[in-house]
């Protein structure tokens, strides 16, 4: 994403580099990822049309998925992860990569 600290810390994979740059153009998202950088391993991804337990979602529905290796007991890190999910979903809506209409859910 052409941010040296971020690029040296994380590996980003995408079939659409322009969209991933647009997603990470959001300072809150970048800062939340950096706040989680000390975790041994974690990944955030969009899983295509298949639920966690193998059940199919309706057509056109994908799953935003976060996986952490090990057991996470740090409450502040968990709060950052929930905040990160909300920020990613909000940004995807702004970019036109999620719902056409913005959701009316507010996580606090």
Protein backbone atom coordinates (compact mmCIF):
# COMPACT_ATOMS: atom_id res chain seq x y z
CA UNK A 1 0.00 0.00 0.00
CA UNK A 2 3.12 2.13 -0.23
CA UNK A 3 3.39 2.76 3.51
CA UNK A 4 6.86 1.52 4.57
CA UNK A 5 6.03 0.64 8.19
CA UNK A 6 2.80 -1.09 7.21
CA UNK A 7 4.33 -2.87 4.21
CA UNK A 8 7.26 -4.11 6.31
CA UNK A 9 4.87 -5.45 8.98
CA UNK A 10 2.07 -7.09 6.99
CA UNK A 11 1.53 -9.22 3.92
CA UNK A 12 -1.53 -8.19 1.93
CA UNK A 13 -2.97 -10.38 -0.80
CA UNK A 14 -5.69 -9.27 -3.17
CA UNK A 15 -6.94 -9.95 -6.66
CA UNK A 16 -7.65 -6.23 -6.86
CA UNK A 17 -4.68 -4.12 -5.66
CA UNK A 18 -6.52 -0.84 -6.27
CA UNK A 19 -9.33 -1.83 -3.91
CA UNK A 20 -6.96 -3.03 -1.19
CA UNK A 21 -5.10 0.30 -1.41
CA UNK A 22 -8.42 2.15 -1.16
CA UNK A 23 -9.41 0.06 1.88
CA UNK A 24 -6.12 0.75 3.65
CA UNK A 25 -6.23 4.42 2.71
CA UNK A 26 -8.32 4.70 5.88
CA UNK A 27 -6.01 5.75 8.74
CA UNK A 28 -8.20 4.07 11.39
CA UNK A 29 -7.97 0.70 9.66
CA UNK A 30 -4.19 0.99 9.26
CA UNK A 31 -3.76 2.04 12.88
CA UNK A 32 -5.91 -0.83 14.15
CA UNK A 33 -3.86 -3.34 12.15
CA UNK A 34 -0.66 -1.84 13.53
CA UNK A 35 -2.09 -2.06 17.07
CA UNK A 36 -2.52 -5.81 16.50
CA UNK A 37 0.93 -6.29 14.94
CA UNK A 38 2.41 -7.81 18.11
CA UNK A 39 0.05 -10.80 17.91
CA UNK A 40 1.94 -13.88 16.76
CA UNK A 41 -0.34 -14.53 13.80
CA UNK A 42 -3.68 -13.24 12.64
CA UNK A 43 -5.46 -12.85 9.36
CA UNK A 44 -8.47 -10.99 8.09
CA UNK A 45 -10.06 -12.18 4.88
CA UNK A 46 -13.23 -12.30 2.87
CA UNK A 47 -14.41 -15.84 2.35
CA UNK A 48 -16.36 -16.31 -0.83
CA UNK A 49 -19.96 -17.48 -0.45
CA UNK A 50 -19.34 -20.19 2.13
CA UNK A 51 -20.14 -20.06 5.82
CA UNK A 52 -17.77 -21.04 8.59
CA UNK A 53 -19.41 -24.43 9.04
CA UNK A 54 -19.56 -25.12 5.32
CA UNK A 55 -23.12 -23.90 4.81
CA UNK A 56 -23.61 -21.77 1.76
CA UNK A 57 -24.64 -18.16 2.09
CA UNK A 58 -27.24 -16.68 -0.25
CA UNK A 59 -25.88 -15.72 -3.68
CA UNK A 60 -23.62 -12.69 -3.54
CA UNK A 61 -23.09 -12.88 0.24
CA UNK A 62 -19.54 -13.28 1.50
CA UNK A 63 -18.09 -13.52 5.00
CA UNK A 64 -15.60 -11.14 6.62
CA UNK A 65 -13.42 -13.49 8.67
CA UNK A 66 -10.74 -12.93 11.31
CA UNK A 67 -8.56 -15.72 12.63
CA UNK A 68 -6.04 -15.52 15.46
CA UNK A 69 -3.60 -18.32 16.22
CA UNK A 70 -3.73 -19.35 19.88
CA UNK A 71 -5.86 -18.03 22.70
CA UNK A 72 -6.40 -14.31 22.98
CA UNK A 73 -7.12 -13.04 26.49
CA UNK A 74 -6.19 -9.38 26.00
CA UNK A 75 -9.49 -7.48 26.27
CA UNK A 76 -8.04 -4.38 24.60
CA UNK A 77 -6.93 -6.41 21.56
CA UNK A 78 -10.41 -7.95 21.34
CA UNK A 79 -11.97 -4.48 21.42
CA UNK A 80 -9.63 -3.36 18.63
CA UNK A 81 -10.66 -6.39 16.56
CA UNK A 82 -14.38 -5.59 16.94
CA UNK A 83 -13.68 -1.96 16.07
CA UNK A 84 -11.60 -3.07 13.08
CA UNK A 85 -14.45 -5.23 11.78
CA UNK A 86 -16.88 -2.31 12.00
CA UNK A 87 -14.41 0.03 10.28
CA UNK A 88 -13.70 -2.44 7.48
CA UNK A 89 -17.41 -2.99 6.85
CA UNK A 90 -18.05 0.75 6.87
CA UNK A 91 -15.18 1.37 4.46
CA UNK A 92 -16.30 -1.45 2.14
CA UNK A 93 -19.75 0.15 2.02
CA UNK A 94 -18.22 3.54 1.20
CA UNK A 95 -16.17 1.92 -1.59
CA UNK A 96 -19.22 0.19 -3.06
CA UNK A 97 -17.76 -3.24 -2.29
CA UNK A 98 -20.40 -4.26 0.22
CA UNK A 99 -24.11 -3.40 0.43
CA UNK A 100 -25.50 -0.77 -1.88
CA UNK A 101 -27.13 0.94 1.10
CA UNK A 102 -25.17 1.59 4.27
CA UNK A 103 -26.27 -0.61 7.18
CA UNK A 104 -27.92 1.12 10.11
CA UNK A 105 -26.05 -0.91 12.74
CA UNK A 106 -23.86 1.01 15.16
CA UNK A 107 -21.42 -1.00 17.30
CA UNK A 108 -20.34 0.77 20.46
